[in-house]
Amino acid sequence: MRVMSLSHFLFRLLYRTTITDPATCYKVFRREILSKIPPLQLNGFEMEPELTAKILRAGYIIKELPIYYQPRSFVEGKKITWRHAFKYILTIIKYRFFPLSSRVERRMTKKG
């Protein structure tokens, strides 16, 4: 199993979601969602799981649409390594088990 496949599996397990690729590049959502989650703290590759995790923890449902994707090789521009996967895993653990903010945690508790 590839390292990123393992990290995606871990994301699905920890967040109880069926999202096939939480680190996908394209995300579309309503602007008000950003005002209801804590500000993003990361700006590297880890921003993808941070955003997805915060949206899920805030109680939103994420719907995936199928796309055609042809993986790139290193020569073609793919530069993700095991270091990225390690940071990715640390990020999903951080945003799964540690408080996001009191505002979001209170709202999530009210939802059930």
C-alpha atoms as a PDB file:
ATOM      1  CA  MET A   1       0.000   0.000   0.000  1.00  0.00           C
ATOM      2  CA  ARG A   2       1.372   3.404  -0.939  1.00  0.00           C
ATOM      3  CA  VAL A   3       2.049   5.833   1.896  1.00  0.00           C
ATOM      4  CA  MET A   4      -0.584   8.334   0.734  1.00  0.00           C
ATOM      5  CA  SER A   5      -3.141   5.545   0.327  1.00  0.00           C
ATOM      6  CA  LEU A   6      -2.441   4.580   3.922  1.00  0.00           C
ATOM      7  CA  SER A   7      -2.852   8.182   5.092  1.00  0.00           C
ATOM      8  CA  HIS A   8      -6.146   8.516   3.173  1.00  0.00           C
ATOM      9  CA  PHE A   9      -7.351   5.282   4.783  1.00  0.00           C
ATOM     10  CA  LEU A  10      -6.393   6.664   8.195  1.00  0.00           C
ATOM     11  CA  PHE A  11      -8.283   9.893   7.458  1.00  0.00           C
ATOM     12  CA  ARG A  12     -11.425   7.954   6.518  1.00  0.00           C
ATOM     13  CA  LEU A  13     -11.132   5.841   9.649  1.00  0.00           C
ATOM     14  CA  LEU A  14     -10.551   8.726  12.075  1.00  0.00           C
ATOM     15  CA  TYR A  15     -13.220  11.004  10.622  1.00  0.00           C
ATOM     16  CA  ARG A  16     -15.746   8.251   9.850  1.00  0.00           C
ATOM     17  CA  THR A  17     -16.150   9.371   6.269  1.00  0.00           C
ATOM     18  CA  THR A  18     -16.219   7.711   2.880  1.00  0.00           C
ATOM     19  CA  ILE A  19     -14.235  10.432   1.111  1.00  0.00           C
ATOM     20  CA  THR A  20     -11.876   8.669  -1.269  1.00  0.00           C
ATOM     21  CA  ASP A  21      -9.271  11.437  -1.510  1.00  0.00           C
ATOM     22  CA  PRO A  22      -9.367  14.022   1.299  1.00  0.00           C
ATOM     23  CA  ALA A  23      -6.352  15.819  -0.184  1.00  0.00           C
ATOM     24  CA  THR A  24      -7.950  16.564  -3.522  1.00  0.00           C
ATOM     25  CA  CYS A  25      -7.065  19.882  -5.060  1.00  0.00           C
ATOM     26  CA  TYR A  26     -10.547  21.156  -5.931  1.00  0.00           C
ATOM     27  CA  LYS A  27     -12.933  22.034  -3.125  1.00  0.00           C
ATOM     28  CA  VAL A  28     -16.151  23.960  -3.679  1.00  0.00           C
ATOM     29  CA  PHE A  29     -18.320  25.160  -0.824  1.00  0.00           C
ATOM     30  CA  ARG A  30     -20.361  28.117   0.309  1.00  0.00           C
ATOM     31  CA  ARG A  31     -18.438  31.092   1.629  1.00  0.00           C
ATOM     32  CA  GLU A  32     -20.285  31.095   4.966  1.00  0.00           C
ATOM     33  CA  ILE A  33     -18.714  27.751   5.812  1.00  0.00           C
ATOM     34  CA  LEU A  34     -15.346  29.488   6.129  1.00  0.00           C
ATOM     35  CA  SER A  35     -16.805  31.856   8.711  1.00  0.00           C
ATOM     36  CA  LYS A  36     -18.058  28.889  10.734  1.00  0.00           C
ATOM     37  CA  ILE A  37     -14.748  27.058  11.015  1.00  0.00           C
ATOM     38  CA  PRO A  38     -11.567  28.258  12.727  1.00  0.00           C
ATOM     39  CA  PRO A  39      -9.089  30.046  10.443  1.00  0.00           C
ATOM     40  CA  LEU A  40      -6.665  27.836   8.551  1.00  0.00           C
ATOM     41  CA  GLN A  41      -3.270  27.640  10.209  1.00  0.00           C
ATOM     42  CA  LEU A  42      -1.268  25.740   7.624  1.00  0.00           C
ATOM     43  CA  ASN A  43      -0.211  26.748   4.129  1.00  0.00           C
ATOM     44  CA  GLY A  44       1.637  23.746   2.767  1.00  0.00           C
ATOM     45  CA  PHE A  45       0.352  20.382   1.623  1.00  0.00           C
ATOM     46  CA  GLU A  46      -1.124  19.940   5.116  1.00  0.00           C
ATOM     47  CA  MET A  47      -3.699  22.644   4.373  1.00  0.00           C
ATOM     48  CA  GLU A  48      -5.784  20.084   2.434  1.00  0.00           C
ATOM     49  CA  PRO A  49      -6.449  17.704   5.349  1.00  0.00           C
ATOM     50  CA  GLU A  50      -6.771  20.672   7.756  1.00  0.00           C
ATOM     51  CA  LEU A  51      -9.577  22.216   5.702  1.00  0.00           C
ATOM     52  CA  THR A  52     -11.351  18.897   5.153  1.00  0.00           C
ATOM     53  CA  ALA A  53     -11.036  17.933   8.825  1.00  0.00           C
ATOM     54  CA  LYS A  54     -12.373  21.259  10.076  1.00  0.00           C
ATOM     55  CA  ILE A  55     -15.350  21.143   7.730  1.00  0.00           C
ATOM     56  CA  LEU A  56     -16.209  17.590   8.803  1.00  0.00           C
ATOM     57  CA  ARG A  57     -15.764  18.361  12.510  1.00  0.00           C
ATOM     58  CA  ALA A  58     -18.065  21.359  12.131  1.00  0.00           C
ATOM     59  CA  GLY A  59     -20.791  18.913  11.109  1.00  0.00           C
ATOM     60  CA  TYR A  60     -20.933  19.501   7.369  1.00  0.00           C
ATOM     61  CA  ILE A  61     -21.408  16.661   4.912  1.00  0.00           C
ATOM     62  CA  ILE A  62     -18.925  16.530   2.060  1.00  0.00           C
ATOM     63  CA  LYS A  63     -20.051  15.145  -1.267  1.00  0.00           C
ATOM     64  CA  GLU A  64     -17.539  13.969  -3.819  1.00  0.00           C
ATOM     65  CA  LEU A  65     -18.034  14.140  -7.534  1.00  0.00           C
ATOM     66  CA  PRO A  66     -16.223  11.649  -9.750  1.00  0.00           C
ATOM     67  CA  ILE A  67     -13.319  12.943 -11.802  1.00  0.00           C
ATOM     68  CA  TYR A  68     -10.840  11.384 -14.156  1.00  0.00           C
ATOM     69  CA  TYR A  69      -7.345  11.491 -12.719  1.00  0.00           C
ATOM     70  CA  GLN A  70      -4.104  10.329 -14.287  1.00  0.00           C
ATOM     71  CA  PRO A  71      -1.387  10.148 -11.575  1.00  0.00           C
ATOM     72  CA  ARG A  72       1.839  11.922 -12.478  1.00  0.00           C
ATOM     73  CA  SER A  73       5.302  10.476 -12.108  1.00  0.00           C
ATOM     74  CA  PHE A  74       8.150  12.294 -10.353  1.00  0.00           C
ATOM     75  CA  VAL A  75       9.532  13.337 -13.744  1.00  0.00           C
ATOM     76  CA  GLU A  76       6.115  14.727 -14.736  1.00  0.00           C
ATOM     77  CA  GLY A  77       5.956  16.877 -11.618  1.00  0.00           C
ATOM     78  CA  LYS A  78       4.770  14.703  -8.721  1.00  0.00           C
ATOM     79  CA  LYS A  79       6.885  15.790  -5.771  1.00  0.00           C
ATOM     80  CA  ILE A  80       4.968  14.254  -2.844  1.00  0.00           C
ATOM     81  CA  THR A  81       7.217  12.096  -0.679  1.00  0.00           C
ATOM     82  CA  TRP A  82       6.957  10.160   2.582  1.00  0.00           C
ATOM     83  CA  ARG A  83       7.722  13.436   4.389  1.00  0.00           C
ATOM     84  CA  HIS A  84       4.484  14.904   3.076  1.00  0.00           C
ATOM     85  CA  ALA A  85       2.597  11.802   4.183  1.00  0.00           C
ATOM     86  CA  PHE A  86       4.115  12.087   7.667  1.00  0.00           C
ATOM     87  CA  LYS A  87       3.010  15.740   7.954  1.00  0.00           C
ATOM     88  CA  TYR A  88      -0.402  14.759   6.562  1.00  0.00           C
ATOM     89  CA  ILE A  89      -0.838  12.079   9.229  1.00  0.00           C
ATOM     90  CA  LEU A  90       0.227  14.447  12.029  1.00  0.00           C
ATOM     91  CA  THR A  91      -2.245  17.020  10.721  1.00  0.00           C
ATOM     92  CA  ILE A  92      -5.225  14.643  10.619  1.00  0.00           C
ATOM     93  CA  ILE A  93      -4.450  13.420  14.141  1.00  0.00           C
ATOM     94  CA  LYS A  94      -4.111  16.996  15.424  1.00  0.00           C
ATOM     95  CA  TYR A  95      -7.428  18.126  13.991  1.00  0.00           C
ATOM     96  CA  ARG A  96      -9.251  14.954  14.995  1.00  0.00           C
ATOM     97  CA  PHE A  97      -8.296  14.748  18.665  1.00  0.00           C
ATOM     98  CA  PHE A  98      -7.520  18.310  19.753  1.00  0.00           C
ATOM     99  CA  PRO A  99     -10.064  21.123  20.162  1.00  0.00           C
ATOM    100  CA  LEU A 100     -10.557  23.344  17.139  1.00  0.00           C
ATOM    101  CA  SER A 101     -11.943  26.311  19.080  1.00  0.00           C
ATOM    102  CA  SER A 102     -14.540  26.798  21.760  1.00  0.00           C
ATOM    103  CA  ARG A 103     -16.966  28.383  19.252  1.00  0.00           C
ATOM    104  CA  VAL A 104     -16.978  25.361  16.926  1.00  0.00           C
ATOM    105  CA  GLU A 105     -16.921  22.795  19.726  1.00  0.00           C
ATOM    106  CA  ARG A 106     -20.003  24.426  21.368  1.00  0.00           C
ATOM    107  CA  ARG A 107     -21.930  24.417  18.090  1.00  0.00           C
ATOM    108  CA  MET A 108     -20.996  20.796  17.393  1.00  0.00           C
ATOM    109  CA  THR A 109     -22.180  19.739  20.855  1.00  0.00           C
ATOM    110  CA  LYS A 110     -25.562  21.373  20.224  1.00  0.00           C
ATOM    111  CA  LYS A 111     -25.952  19.422  16.956  1.00  0.00           C
ATOM    112  CA  GLY A 112     -25.670  16.132  18.752  1.00  0.00           C
END
